[in-house]
Protein backbone atom coordinates (compact mmCIF):
# COMPACT_ATOMS: atom_id res chain seq x y z
CA MET A 1 69.48 -3.10 197.71
CA GLN A 2 69.52 -3.69 193.96
CA ARG A 3 72.83 -4.98 192.69
CA PRO A 4 74.27 -4.42 189.23
CA ASN A 5 74.32 -7.28 186.79
CA THR A 6 77.54 -9.19 187.43
CA GLU A 7 78.36 -9.00 183.74
CA SER A 8 77.94 -5.23 183.52
CA SER A 9 80.87 -3.17 182.34
CA ILE A 10 80.93 0.51 183.26
CA LEU A 11 83.22 3.22 181.91
CA ILE A 12 83.91 6.21 184.14
CA ILE A 13 84.93 9.33 182.21
CA TYR A 14 86.64 11.83 184.51
CA THR A 15 86.65 15.29 182.94
CA GLY A 16 87.53 17.27 186.05
CA GLY A 17 85.70 18.99 188.86
CA THR A 18 85.59 18.97 192.64
CA ILE A 19 84.76 15.26 192.92
CA GLY A 20 88.22 14.27 191.69
CA MET A 21 90.15 16.44 194.10
CA VAL A 22 92.22 15.40 197.11
CA GLU A 23 94.01 17.64 199.58
CA ASN A 24 97.78 17.74 199.41
CA PRO A 25 98.76 17.05 203.05
CA ALA A 26 101.86 19.23 202.73
CA THR A 27 100.30 22.33 201.19
CA GLY A 28 96.57 21.97 201.86
CA VAL A 29 95.93 22.71 198.17
CA LEU A 30 93.31 20.67 196.33
CA GLU A 31 94.81 18.59 193.53
CA ALA A 32 93.33 16.12 191.05
CA PHE A 33 94.08 12.52 191.96
CA ASP A 34 94.83 9.84 189.42
CA PHE A 35 91.60 7.98 188.72
CA THR A 36 93.52 4.90 187.65
CA TYR A 37 93.83 4.39 191.43
CA LEU A 38 90.09 4.76 191.86
CA ASN A 39 89.64 1.53 193.84
CA LYS A 40 92.29 2.64 196.33
CA ASN A 41 90.61 6.00 196.89
CA VAL A 42 87.07 4.58 196.87
CA PRO A 43 87.46 1.01 198.18
CA GLU A 44 83.67 0.55 198.26
CA LEU A 45 83.83 0.05 194.48
CA ASN A 46 85.47 -3.33 195.04
CA ARG A 47 82.12 -4.59 196.32
CA PHE A 48 80.44 -4.02 192.96
CA GLY A 49 79.91 -7.07 190.83
CA CYS A 50 80.71 -5.25 187.61
CA ASN A 51 83.83 -4.29 185.71
CA ILE A 52 84.82 -0.63 186.05
CA SER A 53 87.29 1.08 183.77
CA VAL A 54 88.37 4.72 183.61
CA GLU A 55 89.12 7.30 180.92
CA GLN A 56 90.63 10.49 182.30
CA PHE A 57 91.04 13.97 180.79
CA ASP A 58 94.67 14.99 181.10
CA PRO A 59 94.83 17.62 182.36
CA PRO A 60 91.41 17.72 184.05
CA ILE A 61 89.22 20.65 183.00
CA ASP A 62 87.52 23.05 185.37
CA SER A 63 83.86 22.98 184.39
CA SER A 64 83.75 26.77 184.11
CA ALA A 65 86.23 26.42 181.24
CA ILE A 66 84.29 23.70 179.38
CA THR A 67 83.68 24.31 175.65
CA PRO A 68 81.74 22.51 172.90
CA GLN A 69 85.01 20.81 171.91
CA GLU A 70 85.03 18.97 175.26
CA TRP A 71 81.39 17.94 174.76
CA ILE A 72 82.33 16.40 171.44
CA ARG A 73 85.37 14.75 173.04
CA ILE A 74 83.15 13.07 175.66
CA ALA A 75 80.77 11.92 172.92
CA GLU A 76 83.69 10.43 170.98
CA ILE A 77 84.92 8.54 174.06
CA ILE A 78 81.43 7.09 174.52
CA ARG A 79 81.27 6.16 170.81
CA ASP A 80 84.67 4.44 170.93
CA ASN A 81 83.66 2.41 174.00
CA TYR A 82 79.96 1.96 173.27
CA ASP A 83 80.00 -1.68 172.20
CA SER A 84 82.27 -2.82 175.03
CA HIS A 85 80.42 -1.16 177.92
CA ASP A 86 76.90 -1.32 179.32
CA GLY A 87 76.84 2.15 180.81
CA PHE A 88 78.82 5.34 181.30
CA VAL A 89 79.41 7.64 184.26
CA VAL A 90 80.74 11.11 183.46
CA LEU A 91 82.41 12.89 186.39
CA HIS A 92 82.11 16.62 185.85
CA GLY A 93 82.29 19.91 187.72
CA THR A 94 78.91 21.15 188.87
CA ASP A 95 79.02 24.68 187.44
CA THR A 96 78.29 23.66 183.83
CA MET A 97 77.10 20.09 184.30
CA SER A 98 73.60 20.93 183.05
CA TYR A 99 75.01 22.35 179.80
CA THR A 100 77.13 19.23 179.23
CA ALA A 101 74.16 16.95 179.94
CA CYS A 102 72.09 18.87 177.38
CA ALA A 103 74.87 18.68 174.81
CA LEU A 104 75.38 14.93 175.24
CA SER A 105 71.63 14.31 174.96
CA PHE A 106 71.73 15.82 171.45
CA LEU A 107 75.15 14.56 170.33
CA LEU A 108 74.41 10.90 171.19
CA ASN A 109 72.03 9.60 168.53
CA ASN A 110 69.84 6.54 169.19
CA LEU A 111 71.24 6.07 172.67
CA SER A 112 70.14 2.86 174.37
CA LYS A 113 72.55 2.84 177.33
CA PRO A 114 72.79 4.99 180.47
CA VAL A 115 75.04 8.04 180.48
CA ILE A 116 75.00 9.36 184.06
CA LEU A 117 76.69 12.64 184.92
CA THR A 118 77.60 13.33 188.52
CA GLY A 119 80.03 15.27 190.66
CA SER A 120 80.18 16.70 194.14
CA GLN A 121 80.18 19.87 196.17
CA LEU A 122 83.05 18.62 198.36
CA PRO A 123 86.20 16.81 197.16
CA ILE A 124 86.09 13.02 197.36
CA GLY A 125 89.04 13.15 199.78
CA LYS A 126 87.11 15.20 202.36
CA LEU A 127 85.59 13.38 205.33
CA ARG A 128 82.07 14.80 204.75
CA THR A 129 82.20 14.50 200.98
CA ASP A 130 79.06 13.91 198.95
CA GLY A 131 81.27 12.59 196.17
CA LYS A 132 81.44 8.93 197.23
CA GLU A 133 77.68 8.50 197.50
CA ASN A 134 77.07 10.29 194.21
CA LEU A 135 79.71 8.21 192.42
CA ILE A 136 78.66 4.85 193.86
CA THR A 137 74.96 5.42 193.14
CA ALA A 138 75.66 6.73 189.63
CA ILE A 139 77.59 3.54 188.87
CA GLU A 140 74.79 1.38 190.26
CA ILE A 141 72.22 3.19 188.09
CA ALA A 142 74.46 2.94 185.01
CA ALA A 143 74.72 -0.82 185.57
CA ALA A 144 71.03 -1.41 186.33
CA LYS A 145 69.10 -3.57 183.90
CA ILE A 146 65.54 -4.79 183.54
CA ASN A 147 64.73 -7.76 181.31
CA GLY A 148 68.30 -7.65 180.05
CA LYS A 149 68.10 -4.03 178.90
CA ALA A 150 69.32 -0.79 180.43
CA ARG A 151 66.97 0.50 183.11
CA VAL A 152 67.67 4.16 182.23
CA PRO A 153 68.69 4.44 178.56
CA GLU A 154 69.26 8.19 178.44
CA VAL A 155 71.55 11.03 179.51
CA CYS A 156 70.92 11.89 183.17
CA ILE A 157 72.31 13.78 186.12
CA PHE A 158 72.46 12.05 189.49
CA PHE A 159 72.97 14.28 192.49
CA GLU A 160 72.05 14.03 196.17
CA ASN A 161 69.54 11.17 195.99
CA TYR A 162 67.83 12.18 192.75
CA LEU A 163 68.21 10.99 189.18
CA MET A 164 67.04 13.59 186.66
CA ARG A 165 66.79 13.83 182.88
CA GLY A 166 69.93 15.73 181.96
CA ASN A 167 68.40 18.21 179.55
CA ARG A 168 65.69 19.14 182.07
CA THR A 169 68.09 19.98 184.87
CA SER A 170 69.52 23.24 186.23
CA LYS A 171 72.04 23.98 188.94
CA VAL A 172 70.15 25.71 191.74
CA SER A 173 72.66 26.02 194.60
CA ALA A 174 76.31 26.94 194.87
CA ASP A 175 76.78 25.63 198.40
CA GLN A 176 74.16 22.95 199.14
CA PHE A 177 74.51 19.23 198.51
CA ASN A 178 71.18 19.21 196.63
CA ALA A 179 72.67 21.42 193.93
CA PHE A 180 70.42 20.43 191.01
CA ASP A 181 66.73 20.30 190.30
CA SER A 182 64.39 19.37 187.46
CA PHE A 183 61.53 21.81 187.77
CA ASN A 184 59.41 20.96 184.74
CA TYR A 185 59.90 17.20 184.56
CA PRO A 186 59.60 14.47 187.23
CA GLN A 187 62.71 12.87 188.73
CA LEU A 188 63.57 9.53 187.12
CA ALA A 189 64.59 7.84 190.36
CA TYR A 190 65.07 8.41 194.07
CA ALA A 191 67.97 6.76 195.87
CA GLY A 192 67.12 6.08 199.49
CA ILE A 193 67.65 2.71 201.14
CA ASP A 194 66.68 1.32 197.74
CA ILE A 195 66.72 2.99 194.35
CA LYS A 196 63.11 3.56 193.35
CA TYR A 197 62.68 4.16 189.63
CA ASN A 198 59.91 6.28 188.14
CA ASP A 199 59.51 4.07 185.08
CA GLY A 200 56.73 6.19 183.60
CA ALA A 201 59.11 9.16 183.30
CA ILE A 202 62.08 7.26 181.86
CA MET A 203 62.70 7.39 178.10
CA GLN A 204 60.93 4.58 176.27
CA LEU A 205 62.90 3.28 173.30
CA PRO A 206 61.30 2.23 170.00
CA HIS A 207 61.54 -1.42 169.00
CA ASP A 208 63.19 -0.55 165.67
CA MET A 209 66.02 1.54 167.16
CA PRO A 210 68.58 2.57 164.50
CA PRO A 211 72.28 2.02 165.26
CA PHE A 212 74.01 4.29 167.76
CA SER A 213 76.01 7.17 166.33
CA ILE A 214 77.21 10.60 167.38
CA SER A 215 77.10 14.07 165.92
CA THR A 216 80.36 16.00 166.01
CA ASN A 217 79.29 19.49 164.97
CA LEU A 218 78.11 22.27 167.25
CA ASN A 219 77.81 25.90 166.21
CA PRO A 220 78.66 28.19 169.16
CA ASN A 221 77.38 31.36 167.46
CA VAL A 222 74.37 31.66 169.75
CA GLY A 223 73.63 33.66 172.87
CA ILE A 224 71.27 34.49 175.73
CA LEU A 225 69.62 37.89 176.18
CA LYS A 226 67.92 38.34 179.54
CA LEU A 227 65.26 41.02 179.67
CA TYR A 228 64.99 43.32 182.67
CA PRO A 229 62.98 46.43 183.48
CA GLY A 230 64.72 49.42 181.92
CA ILE A 231 66.68 47.51 179.29
CA THR A 232 67.77 50.07 176.74
CA ARG A 233 67.47 50.24 173.00
CA GLU A 234 71.26 50.36 172.68
CA VAL A 235 71.69 47.13 174.63
CA VAL A 236 69.09 45.21 172.62
CA GLU A 237 70.10 46.49 169.19
CA SER A 238 73.83 46.01 169.79
CA TYR A 239 73.28 42.45 171.05
CA LEU A 240 71.09 41.46 168.12
CA ALA A 241 73.66 42.94 165.72
CA ILE A 242 76.59 40.82 166.95
CA PRO A 243 78.39 39.61 163.78
CA GLY A 244 77.81 35.93 163.01
CA LEU A 245 75.13 35.46 165.68
CA LYS A 246 72.64 32.86 164.46
CA GLY A 247 70.39 32.12 167.42
CA ILE A 248 69.27 33.91 170.57
CA VAL A 249 67.56 32.59 173.67
CA LEU A 250 65.41 35.49 174.84
CA GLU A 251 64.66 35.18 178.56
CA THR A 252 61.30 36.90 178.95
CA PHE A 253 58.95 37.56 181.87
CA GLY A 254 56.28 35.17 183.14
CA SER A 255 54.68 33.06 180.42
CA GLY A 256 56.66 34.73 177.64
CA ASN A 257 55.99 38.44 177.96
CA ALA A 258 58.24 41.37 177.05
CA PRO A 259 58.14 45.17 176.66
CA MET A 260 55.91 46.38 173.85
CA ASP A 261 57.95 49.45 172.92
CA GLU A 262 57.94 49.97 169.18
CA TRP A 263 61.73 50.07 168.96
CA PHE A 264 61.96 46.74 170.81
CA LEU A 265 59.54 44.91 168.53
CA GLU A 266 61.18 46.43 165.44
CA ALA A 267 64.62 45.27 166.61
CA LEU A 268 63.39 41.71 167.12
CA GLU A 269 61.53 41.66 163.80
CA LYS A 270 64.59 42.96 161.95
CA ALA A 271 66.75 40.25 163.51
CA VAL A 272 64.26 37.54 162.53
CA LYS A 273 64.08 38.86 158.94
CA ASN A 274 67.88 38.73 158.83
CA GLY A 275 67.75 34.99 159.53
CA LYS A 276 68.30 34.92 163.28
CA VAL A 277 66.28 32.38 165.29
CA ILE A 278 64.98 33.87 168.54
CA VAL A 279 63.63 31.42 171.12
CA ASN A 280 61.32 32.70 173.83
CA VAL A 281 61.94 31.08 177.24
CA THR A 282 60.71 32.19 180.63
CA GLN A 283 62.92 33.56 183.40
CA CYS A 284 60.78 31.64 185.90
CA VAL A 285 62.24 28.40 187.23
CA THR A 286 58.95 26.57 186.72
CA GLY A 287 56.21 26.84 184.13
CA TYR A 288 56.33 27.40 180.41
CA VAL A 289 56.04 29.97 177.64
CA ASP A 290 52.58 30.36 176.14
CA MET A 291 52.63 33.10 173.54
CA THR A 292 48.87 32.79 173.02
CA ARG A 293 47.96 33.73 176.61
CA TYR A 294 48.55 37.50 176.50
CA GLU A 295 48.70 40.09 173.74
CA THR A 296 52.39 40.74 174.39
CA GLY A 297 53.28 37.11 173.76
CA HIS A 298 51.04 36.99 170.70
CA LEU A 299 52.90 39.96 169.18
CA LEU A 300 56.24 38.21 169.72
CA GLU A 301 54.91 35.14 167.96
CA LYS A 302 53.55 37.27 165.14
CA ILE A 303 56.95 38.79 164.38
CA GLY A 304 58.56 35.35 164.23
CA LEU A 305 59.81 34.34 167.68
CA VAL A 306 59.74 30.64 168.51
CA SER A 307 58.34 29.33 171.78
CA GLY A 308 60.78 27.47 174.01
CA TYR A 309 57.79 25.99 175.90
CA ASP A 310 59.08 24.54 179.19
CA SER A 311 62.72 24.25 178.13
CA THR A 312 65.49 25.43 180.42
CA SER A 313 67.62 28.29 179.11
CA GLU A 314 70.64 25.98 179.14
CA CYS A 315 68.90 23.43 176.97
CA ALA A 316 67.46 25.96 174.51
CA LEU A 317 70.92 27.43 174.02
CA VAL A 318 72.66 24.08 173.47
CA LYS A 319 69.84 22.87 171.21
CA LEU A 320 70.42 25.90 168.99
CA MET A 321 74.14 25.05 168.87
CA TYR A 322 73.27 21.50 167.87
CA LEU A 323 70.70 22.38 165.20
CA PHE A 324 72.83 25.07 163.55
CA GLY A 325 75.71 22.58 163.70
CA GLN A 326 73.68 20.32 161.40
CA ASN A 327 73.69 23.06 158.73
CA LEU A 328 69.93 23.54 158.89
CA SER A 329 68.28 26.67 157.57
CA PRO A 330 66.74 29.14 160.05
CA GLU A 331 63.25 27.89 159.15
CA GLU A 332 64.31 24.27 159.70
CA VAL A 333 65.85 25.22 163.05
CA LYS A 334 62.59 26.92 164.07
CA CYS A 335 60.63 23.76 163.33
CA GLN A 336 63.08 21.53 165.20
CA MET A 337 63.02 23.85 168.21
CA CYS A 338 59.29 23.12 168.45
CA LEU A 339 59.83 19.36 168.66
CA PRO A 340 60.93 17.26 171.65
CA LEU A 341 64.00 15.68 170.03
CA ARG A 342 65.35 14.16 173.27
CA GLY A 343 62.50 14.65 175.72
CA GLU A 344 63.71 18.18 176.46
CA ILE A 345 60.31 19.86 176.16
CA SER A 346 56.69 18.91 176.81
CA ILE A 347 54.35 20.27 174.16
CA GLU A 348 51.09 18.42 174.70
CA GLY A 349 48.33 20.39 173.01
CA VAL A 350 50.76 22.93 171.55
CA TYR A 351 51.52 23.06 167.86
CA CYS A 352 54.36 24.50 165.83
CA HIS A 353 53.25 27.23 163.46
CA HIS A 354 56.41 27.26 161.34
């Protein structure tokens, strides 16, 4: 088994979630335990040859209540500890972990160290918990180096044997241990008896990497509109007319198709002309949007929709928050949505028309 570098220093950031819960023996109620006593609760950590320190949200936050402010808070903790630590493990509830991973991938500029998010489906105090294995392996990956440099210098999710690029990942199960998957991008590593890294899929850093920094602005005035057969004019027009709404992720059918009713196209075109950025993503769990394949997709492109390519809905939404948070114009946001800023989309052979 690969061992972390004995000089590695890892910071665990506990935000909340099931992994940090223990059962009160008197009441049977799940309560958050104090992660300053992490070694007592997870004695296996004493066998690591690296230094582990902990930052804990007080009080812990249920992941269903997470907001962009917490994403920025995590980014600030990483910034404040960046020079003194080799890697970071973020313990997080599973429900919105994919959103947080996407947000951190954009907020952390010129990242050259691992930021590994993990959690569990069962509390770490339960006998059959998946939390210990997820935590221990996440720490080992965060500490892993090759030729003196971080083995995985990007924001990832580790869950149930697999390491995945964070902004390519979606939660796929509410009650299985393998709760996450990366449908449109290969896993970065598999943790069996040994951890086998897929080096060809891991982010390659430029030699002239600028200094690390963070962004601290996200604009939450975005939304997701999922199409369905029978969607009414009133629903579409009222959604697109929400005051202050700047960007919309439009979840379409198949490879980017939608109804061709005149009122529908006119509503979208009006929204685009009013400065709203509408990103076309597919409802399918695998595949990508190709607005040149069918006439319906071509018409959406013609009226000004932007292709989300093979982006997840979670990532497209958070990317819009990030880009509008940088005070970019709608046209600038459209162009940036077409580019793989953090490896979040694959656009080989596809070109931005904006």
